Amino acid sequence: MIKSKYFPAIILSLIYFFQLTIFFSSFFGIYQSYVISSMDYNLGSFIVFNLFYIFLFMFLIINKDIRILEPLKLRFVRIKCTSMIYILTLLGIFFLYMSTSRILNQYSLIDIIKLGNSGRLRQFVNFDSGYTVQYVLLIISSVLSIIMFFENKSKSALTKKYIYLKLKFFGIVIINSIAIFLFSTILMSRIIILQYMIVIIITVLSYMEIKSRYLITSFLLATAFLIITNGFRDFSYQGYLYTDSPIDWGIHRIVDYYLSTLNYSFYILTEPINLDFRSFFPLFNRLFMIETSNITANVNVASIEYTNIGSIGYLYKKMGYFSVLYLFVFSLIINYSRRLFAEGKLLGLLIYPLMIYAILELPRIMFFPSLILSYYLIICLVVASFVRIDKKY
């Protein structure tokens, strides 16, 4: 199912239905937010919002059979995949240490988990020491490790060398997972773990007999993870004011993120277009989202905590009618990576899972193109050009 030509369009449809459900539930008073007091709604903005999803859906269907020349591979240097995995993991952990050394040298693991969940460690992170690159490297290292885990074949599955290789690649994934968890805890950013989980799950399922229930179960587990971590993260200093249940607070926190982005999008769509193509070059706009303190001061559509407004409204404000071209390019990249993924090409196996994540993020932010995704694509292109996968030992 993941390899299906229609899978990206199906995911987009589910996301669109999810966002409409949130909108109408709030609009008709079925869902009552604890911190968002009003809906900033007008018919024109609502029509533009729907058109964006319709255009992207159409492009994904039209381009589903896209055929582009294969990426150029630099043949003069070839590196074993295992060596590349070691390099990526070591570099990722090195950058992790450089950006968090002050914390790691001062606090124990238990203290880091406790203080990180309350957001008291984020201020000590050195954001100029490769904090973005480090977890991108670890994600790619884990994907390569999973590929090697499944791809390596042996005449006898009981040989010591074969078992050792399987354990080695599995162990690298565990090490990377611990590092990702540690870093996300320090930053108080569950989204880093969610990105990692989605990429890993899609990669693993690509080697298994995929049934719908596996995908649904994975989605429910990811949702439960978000609810629990959001609920317990700040229940003790804010959530208790509204409810007695951390789980209830976690559900409201998640829904409010998407509801606030909807409100911001509707509000921005009423403003004049301000063409600024630099906003779509990650080097000029690190996260492809803007802070909202200046908006929430004038519009009572969201809590000041919800700062992610880089979704459809922001896209239209910065690119105007060129937004349609943006959606077309976005659909091309998604479908191209899906085809490479379905054919078992290394570049597709690396890129496609994160492109699915980019679709899942549409209700909140435009993850494509962000600085994180840009780094990811560049590194994946380098890895796919130089790496040689040895499938037999």
Protein backbone atom coordinates (compact mmCIF):
# COMPACT_ATOMS: atom_id res chain seq x y z
CA MET A 1 0.00 0.00 0.00
CA ILE A 2 2.82 2.42 0.85
CA LYS A 3 4.29 1.88 -2.61
CA SER A 4 0.96 2.52 -4.35
CA LYS A 5 0.77 5.36 -6.87
CA TYR A 6 -2.22 6.71 -4.97
CA PHE A 7 -0.79 6.50 -1.44
CA PRO A 8 0.34 10.19 -1.25
CA ALA A 9 -3.08 11.33 -2.52
CA ILE A 10 -4.81 9.08 0.03
CA ILE A 11 -2.72 10.52 2.87
CA LEU A 12 -3.48 14.06 1.65
CA SER A 13 -7.21 13.26 1.54
CA LEU A 14 -7.14 11.97 5.12
CA ILE A 15 -5.27 15.07 6.29
CA TYR A 16 -7.75 17.32 4.46
CA PHE A 17 -10.70 15.47 6.04
CA PHE A 18 -9.03 15.73 9.45
CA GLN A 19 -8.58 19.49 9.12
CA LEU A 20 -12.15 20.02 7.90
CA THR A 21 -13.41 17.95 10.83
CA ILE A 22 -11.53 20.20 13.26
CA PHE A 23 -12.86 23.31 11.54
CA PHE A 24 -16.53 22.30 11.49
CA SER A 25 -16.38 20.84 15.01
CA SER A 26 -15.13 24.17 16.31
CA PHE A 27 -17.40 26.24 14.06
CA PHE A 28 -20.57 24.47 15.25
CA GLY A 29 -19.42 24.34 18.88
CA ILE A 30 -18.93 20.56 19.02
CA TYR A 31 -15.31 21.04 20.03
CA GLN A 32 -14.57 23.61 22.72
CA SER A 33 -10.97 24.74 23.00
CA TYR A 34 -9.61 25.64 26.42
CA VAL A 35 -7.40 28.47 25.16
CA ILE A 36 -8.69 29.53 21.71
CA SER A 37 -11.75 31.68 22.17
CA SER A 38 -12.91 32.37 18.59
CA MET A 39 -12.80 31.29 14.95
CA ASP A 40 -11.53 33.86 12.47
CA TYR A 41 -13.70 32.70 9.58
CA ASN A 42 -14.78 34.20 6.26
CA LEU A 43 -16.10 32.56 3.09
CA GLY A 44 -13.37 33.84 0.76
CA SER A 45 -10.57 32.50 2.94
CA PHE A 46 -12.36 29.18 3.30
CA ILE A 47 -12.67 28.82 -0.48
CA VAL A 48 -8.95 29.58 -1.04
CA PHE A 49 -8.04 27.11 1.70
CA ASN A 50 -10.02 24.33 -0.02
CA LEU A 51 -8.64 25.18 -3.44
CA PHE A 52 -5.08 24.58 -2.24
CA TYR A 53 -5.90 21.04 -1.15
CA ILE A 54 -7.84 20.38 -4.37
CA PHE A 55 -4.95 21.61 -6.54
CA LEU A 56 -2.38 19.52 -4.69
CA PHE A 57 -4.63 16.45 -4.83
CA MET A 58 -5.09 16.90 -8.60
CA PHE A 59 -1.35 17.32 -9.16
CA LEU A 60 -0.59 14.16 -7.15
CA ILE A 61 -3.02 12.18 -9.32
CA ILE A 62 -1.86 13.70 -12.62
CA ASN A 63 1.86 13.17 -11.86
CA LYS A 64 1.53 9.69 -10.39
CA ASP A 65 3.37 8.07 -13.33
CA ILE A 66 6.14 10.68 -13.53
CA ARG A 67 9.31 9.60 -15.34
CA ILE A 68 12.47 11.65 -14.84
CA LEU A 69 16.07 10.76 -15.57
CA GLU A 70 17.73 8.88 -12.75
CA PRO A 71 19.97 10.94 -10.43
CA LEU A 72 23.59 11.19 -11.51
CA LYS A 73 25.86 8.88 -9.55
CA LEU A 74 29.50 9.78 -9.07
CA ARG A 75 31.17 6.53 -10.03
CA PHE A 76 34.76 7.44 -9.21
CA VAL A 77 34.28 6.97 -5.47
CA ARG A 78 32.13 4.28 -3.90
CA ILE A 79 31.72 3.82 -0.16
CA LYS A 80 30.34 0.74 1.54
CA CYS A 81 26.98 1.41 3.15
CA THR A 82 28.27 0.17 6.51
CA SER A 83 31.08 2.74 6.41
CA MET A 84 28.61 5.50 5.59
CA ILE A 85 26.40 4.44 8.50
CA TYR A 86 29.36 4.71 10.87
CA ILE A 87 30.27 8.15 9.50
CA LEU A 88 26.72 9.51 9.78
CA THR A 89 26.21 8.15 13.30
CA LEU A 90 29.53 9.47 14.61
CA LEU A 91 28.98 12.90 13.05
CA GLY A 92 25.42 13.04 14.37
CA ILE A 93 26.48 12.22 17.91
CA PHE A 94 29.39 14.65 17.66
CA PHE A 95 27.08 17.53 16.65
CA LEU A 96 24.64 16.47 19.37
CA TYR A 97 27.38 16.73 21.96
CA MET A 98 28.62 20.07 20.62
CA SER A 99 25.16 21.63 20.82
CA THR A 100 24.27 20.17 24.23
CA SER A 101 27.66 19.68 25.95
CA ARG A 102 26.85 22.19 28.67
CA ILE A 103 23.76 20.16 29.60
CA LEU A 104 25.29 16.69 29.23
CA ASN A 105 28.26 17.62 31.43
CA GLN A 106 26.11 19.14 34.16
CA TYR A 107 23.03 16.92 34.54
CA SER A 108 22.33 13.21 34.92
CA LEU A 109 20.07 11.36 32.48
CA ILE A 110 17.17 11.38 34.97
CA ASP A 111 17.56 15.13 35.54
CA ILE A 112 17.68 15.75 31.78
CA ILE A 113 14.39 13.90 31.31
CA LYS A 114 12.71 15.73 34.19
CA LEU A 115 14.00 19.20 33.35
CA GLY A 116 13.64 18.67 29.59
CA ASN A 117 9.94 17.83 29.86
CA SER A 118 9.38 21.12 31.65
CA GLY A 119 11.31 23.11 29.04
CA ARG A 120 14.05 24.26 31.42
CA LEU A 121 16.99 23.00 29.35
CA ARG A 122 16.23 24.50 25.95
CA GLN A 123 17.87 27.81 26.90
CA PHE A 124 21.24 26.06 27.31
CA VAL A 125 21.32 24.57 23.79
CA ASN A 126 23.96 25.99 21.48
CA PHE A 127 21.91 26.49 18.33
CA ASP A 128 24.99 27.42 16.29
CA SER A 129 26.69 24.05 16.71
CA GLY A 130 24.87 21.91 14.16
CA TYR A 131 21.74 21.06 16.12
CA THR A 132 19.70 20.77 12.89
CA VAL A 133 22.25 18.66 11.04
CA GLN A 134 22.83 16.25 13.89
CA TYR A 135 19.44 14.61 14.00
CA VAL A 136 19.11 14.65 10.21
CA LEU A 137 22.34 12.59 10.09
CA LEU A 138 20.98 10.20 12.70
CA ILE A 139 17.70 9.72 10.81
CA ILE A 140 19.52 8.87 7.58
CA SER A 141 21.89 6.56 9.46
CA SER A 142 18.90 4.66 10.89
CA VAL A 143 17.22 4.38 7.49
CA LEU A 144 20.42 2.96 5.97
CA SER A 145 20.76 0.55 8.89
CA ILE A 146 17.20 -0.73 8.35
CA ILE A 147 17.90 -1.13 4.63
CA MET A 148 21.04 -3.13 5.40
CA PHE A 149 19.16 -5.19 8.00
CA PHE A 150 16.58 -6.34 5.45
CA GLU A 151 18.68 -6.35 2.28
CA ASN A 152 21.61 -8.45 3.45
CA LYS A 153 21.24 -12.06 2.42
CA SER A 154 23.05 -15.19 3.45
CA LYS A 155 22.95 -18.78 2.26
CA SER A 156 22.58 -19.80 5.85
CA ALA A 157 20.66 -17.52 8.20
CA LEU A 158 22.29 -19.23 11.18
CA THR A 159 25.89 -18.22 10.54
CA LYS A 160 27.54 -16.21 13.27
CA LYS A 161 28.57 -13.48 10.84
CA TYR A 162 25.02 -13.11 9.54
CA ILE A 163 23.57 -12.88 13.04
CA TYR A 164 26.29 -10.41 14.05
CA LEU A 165 25.48 -8.17 11.08
CA LYS A 166 21.77 -8.19 11.90
CA LEU A 167 22.48 -7.31 15.54
CA LYS A 168 24.94 -4.60 14.52
CA PHE A 169 22.49 -2.75 12.29
CA PHE A 170 19.71 -3.16 14.85
CA GLY A 171 22.04 -1.82 17.55
CA ILE A 172 22.88 1.26 15.48
CA VAL A 173 19.17 2.04 15.14
CA ILE A 174 18.80 1.73 18.92
CA ILE A 175 21.77 4.06 19.52
CA ASN A 176 20.39 6.63 17.08
CA SER A 177 16.94 6.35 18.67
CA ILE A 178 18.35 7.05 22.13
CA ALA A 179 20.26 10.05 20.81
CA ILE A 180 17.15 11.39 19.05
CA PHE A 181 15.07 10.90 22.21
CA LEU A 182 17.68 12.66 24.32
CA PHE A 183 17.91 15.60 21.95
CA SER A 184 14.14 15.97 21.59
CA THR A 185 13.79 15.91 25.38
CA ILE A 186 16.37 18.66 25.81
CA LEU A 187 14.64 20.79 23.16
CA MET A 188 11.20 19.86 24.54
CA SER A 189 10.27 19.02 20.94
CA ARG A 190 8.12 15.93 20.45
CA ILE A 191 7.99 16.68 16.74
CA ILE A 192 11.61 15.52 16.34
CA ILE A 193 10.69 12.09 17.68
CA LEU A 194 7.55 12.04 15.54
CA GLN A 195 9.57 12.75 12.38
CA TYR A 196 11.95 9.98 13.30
CA MET A 197 9.15 7.52 14.11
CA ILE A 198 7.27 8.12 10.85
CA VAL A 199 10.40 7.74 8.71
CA ILE A 200 11.43 4.55 10.52
CA ILE A 201 7.94 3.02 10.42
CA ILE A 202 7.51 3.66 6.68
CA THR A 203 10.96 2.23 5.94
CA VAL A 204 10.33 -0.92 7.98
CA LEU A 205 6.84 -1.46 6.52
CA SER A 206 8.24 -1.16 3.00
CA TYR A 207 9.99 -4.52 3.57
CA MET A 208 6.95 -6.23 5.08
CA GLU A 209 3.64 -7.53 3.81
CA ILE A 210 1.69 -4.32 4.21
CA LYS A 211 -1.89 -4.48 5.37
CA SER A 212 -4.10 -1.51 6.19
CA ARG A 213 -4.33 -2.48 9.84
CA TYR A 214 -0.55 -2.11 10.24
CA LEU A 215 -0.69 1.46 8.95
CA ILE A 216 -3.70 2.28 11.11
CA THR A 217 -2.00 0.77 14.17
CA SER A 218 1.17 2.78 13.50
CA PHE A 219 -0.86 5.97 13.13
CA LEU A 220 -2.75 5.30 16.36
CA LEU A 221 0.51 4.63 18.23
CA ALA A 222 2.01 7.89 16.95
CA THR A 223 -1.18 9.75 17.94
CA ALA A 224 -1.15 8.18 21.41
CA PHE A 225 2.49 9.18 21.81
CA LEU A 226 1.66 12.80 20.99
CA ILE A 227 -1.36 12.86 23.31
CA ILE A 228 0.55 11.43 26.26
CA THR A 229 3.67 13.58 25.85
CA ASN A 230 1.65 16.75 25.22
CA GLY A 231 -0.66 16.01 28.12
CA PHE A 232 2.00 15.41 30.75
CA ARG A 233 4.48 17.99 29.43
CA ASP A 234 2.82 21.08 30.88
CA PHE A 235 -0.23 19.77 32.74
CA SER A 236 1.22 20.67 36.13
CA TYR A 237 1.62 24.38 35.37
CA GLN A 238 -1.20 25.04 32.88
CA GLY A 239 -3.42 22.09 32.03
CA TYR A 240 -4.71 21.63 35.57
CA LEU A 241 -6.43 25.01 35.28
CA TYR A 242 -8.82 23.61 32.65
CA THR A 243 -9.16 19.87 33.29
CA ASP A 244 -8.33 17.12 35.77
CA SER A 245 -7.04 14.76 33.08
CA PRO A 246 -3.58 15.03 31.45
CA ILE A 247 -4.89 12.90 28.57
CA ASP A 248 -7.77 15.32 27.97
CA TRP A 249 -5.32 18.20 28.08
CA GLY A 250 -3.04 16.39 25.62
CA ILE A 251 -5.89 15.91 23.13
CA HIS A 252 -6.79 19.60 23.35
CA ARG A 253 -3.16 20.63 22.89
CA ILE A 254 -2.87 18.64 19.67
CA VAL A 255 -6.19 19.80 18.22
CA ASP A 256 -5.45 23.42 19.16
CA TYR A 257 -2.19 23.38 17.21
CA TYR A 258 -4.11 22.61 14.03
CA LEU A 259 -7.04 24.86 14.91
CA SER A 260 -4.75 27.82 15.54
CA THR A 261 -2.98 27.27 12.20
CA LEU A 262 -6.39 27.25 10.49
CA ASN A 263 -7.29 30.50 12.20
CA TYR A 264 -4.01 32.13 11.27
CA SER A 265 -4.38 30.97 7.67
CA PHE A 266 -7.90 32.40 7.41
CA TYR A 267 -6.74 35.65 8.95
CA ILE A 268 -3.68 35.99 6.69
CA LEU A 269 -5.75 35.22 3.59
CA THR A 270 -7.73 38.41 4.26
CA GLU A 271 -4.56 40.52 4.10
CA PRO A 272 -2.94 41.87 0.89
CA ILE A 273 -0.43 39.59 -0.87
CA ASN A 274 3.16 40.42 0.00
CA LEU A 275 5.33 38.59 -2.54
CA ASP A 276 8.54 37.48 -0.88
CA PHE A 277 10.09 34.48 -2.64
CA ARG A 278 13.03 34.52 -0.23
CA SER A 279 10.69 33.03 2.35
CA PHE A 280 10.79 29.80 0.37
CA PHE A 281 14.55 29.50 0.42
CA PRO A 282 15.45 27.75 3.68
CA LEU A 283 18.75 29.60 4.07
CA PHE A 284 16.74 32.80 4.44
CA ASN A 285 13.90 31.28 6.44
CA ARG A 286 15.17 28.58 8.79
CA LEU A 287 11.91 26.91 9.77
CA PHE A 288 9.45 28.26 7.19
CA MET A 289 7.24 29.56 9.97
CA ILE A 290 6.98 32.95 11.64
CA GLU A 291 6.33 34.01 15.18
CA THR A 292 2.84 35.25 15.91
CA SER A 293 3.16 37.71 18.78
CA ASN A 294 2.36 40.60 16.45
CA ILE A 295 -0.76 38.81 15.18
CA THR A 296 -2.16 37.53 18.44
CA ALA A 297 -1.93 41.05 19.80
CA ASN A 298 -4.58 42.08 17.25
CA VAL A 299 -6.53 38.91 16.59
CA ASN A 300 -7.98 36.72 19.29
CA VAL A 301 -7.77 33.51 17.31
CA ALA A 302 -5.11 31.55 19.18
CA SER A 303 -3.04 31.26 22.28
CA ILE A 304 0.37 32.91 22.12
CA GLU A 305 1.87 29.43 22.56
CA TYR A 306 0.86 28.34 19.07
CA THR A 307 3.39 30.00 16.79
CA ASN A 308 3.20 27.81 13.70
CA ILE A 309 1.44 29.77 10.97
CA GLY A 310 3.61 28.76 8.03
CA SER A 311 0.88 26.77 6.36
CA ILE A 312 -1.50 27.57 3.50
CA GLY A 313 -2.21 31.17 4.50
CA TYR A 314 1.46 32.04 4.73
CA LEU A 315 2.17 30.27 1.43
CA TYR A 316 -0.45 32.36 -0.37
CA LYS A 317 0.60 35.60 1.30
CA LYS A 318 4.23 35.19 0.23
CA MET A 319 3.75 33.65 -3.23
CA GLY A 320 0.27 34.70 -4.35
CA TYR A 321 -0.87 32.86 -7.48
CA PHE A 322 2.63 31.40 -7.80
CA SER A 323 1.52 29.12 -4.95
CA VAL A 324 -0.05 26.86 -7.58
CA LEU A 325 3.40 26.41 -9.17
CA TYR A 326 4.81 25.62 -5.75
CA LEU A 327 2.17 22.91 -5.22
CA PHE A 328 2.95 21.46 -8.65
CA VAL A 329 6.67 21.20 -7.87
CA PHE A 330 5.86 19.73 -4.46
CA SER A 331 3.70 17.03 -6.10
CA LEU A 332 6.46 16.23 -8.62
CA ILE A 333 9.01 15.62 -5.88
CA ILE A 334 6.57 13.50 -3.88
CA ASN A 335 5.62 11.28 -6.82
CA TYR A 336 9.19 11.02 -8.11
CA SER A 337 10.45 9.89 -4.72
CA ARG A 338 7.52 7.44 -4.46
CA ARG A 339 8.43 5.83 -7.79
CA LEU A 340 12.07 5.43 -6.77
CA PHE A 341 10.88 4.04 -3.42
CA ALA A 342 8.61 1.49 -5.12
CA GLU A 343 11.49 0.42 -7.38
CA GLY A 344 13.78 -0.08 -4.38
CA LYS A 345 16.18 2.70 -5.39
CA LEU A 346 18.29 3.98 -2.51
CA LEU A 347 17.42 7.65 -3.09
CA GLY A 348 13.71 6.83 -2.97
CA LEU A 349 14.09 4.73 0.18
CA LEU A 350 15.80 7.70 1.85
CA ILE A 351 13.57 10.56 0.68
CA TYR A 352 10.02 9.21 0.26
CA PRO A 353 9.29 8.58 3.98
CA LEU A 354 10.07 12.20 4.85
CA MET A 355 7.96 13.45 1.95
CA ILE A 356 5.02 11.57 3.44
CA TYR A 357 5.79 13.33 6.70
CA ALA A 358 5.73 16.66 4.80
CA ILE A 359 2.17 15.85 3.68
CA LEU A 360 1.16 14.99 7.23
CA GLU A 361 2.50 18.37 8.41
CA LEU A 362 0.40 20.42 5.94
CA PRO A 363 -2.31 21.27 8.51
CA ARG A 364 0.37 22.86 10.72
CA ILE A 365 3.32 24.07 8.63
CA MET A 366 4.76 23.82 5.14
CA PHE A 367 7.56 21.40 5.94
CA PHE A 368 8.62 21.59 2.29
CA PRO A 369 10.93 23.41 1.96
CA SER A 370 12.29 23.87 5.46
CA LEU A 371 15.93 24.06 6.46
CA ILE A 372 15.64 20.60 8.00
CA LEU A 373 14.19 19.05 4.84
CA SER A 374 16.73 20.89 2.68
CA TYR A 375 19.63 19.45 4.68
CA TYR A 376 17.97 16.04 4.50
CA LEU A 377 17.57 16.13 0.71
CA ILE A 378 21.13 17.34 0.14
CA ILE A 379 22.66 14.68 2.39
CA CYS A 380 20.47 11.98 0.82
CA LEU A 381 21.64 12.99 -2.67
CA VAL A 382 25.27 12.72 -1.54
CA VAL A 383 24.69 9.38 0.19
CA ALA A 384 22.81 7.88 -2.78
CA SER A 385 25.60 9.02 -5.11
CA PHE A 386 28.48 7.50 -3.19
CA VAL A 387 27.14 4.53 -1.26
CA ARG A 388 27.38 0.94 -2.41
CA ILE A 389 25.05 -1.54 -0.75
CA ASP A 390 26.54 -5.02 -0.40
CA LYS A 391 23.64 -7.43 -0.18
CA LYS A 392 25.62 -10.62 0.37
CA TYR A 393 28.27 -11.60 2.89
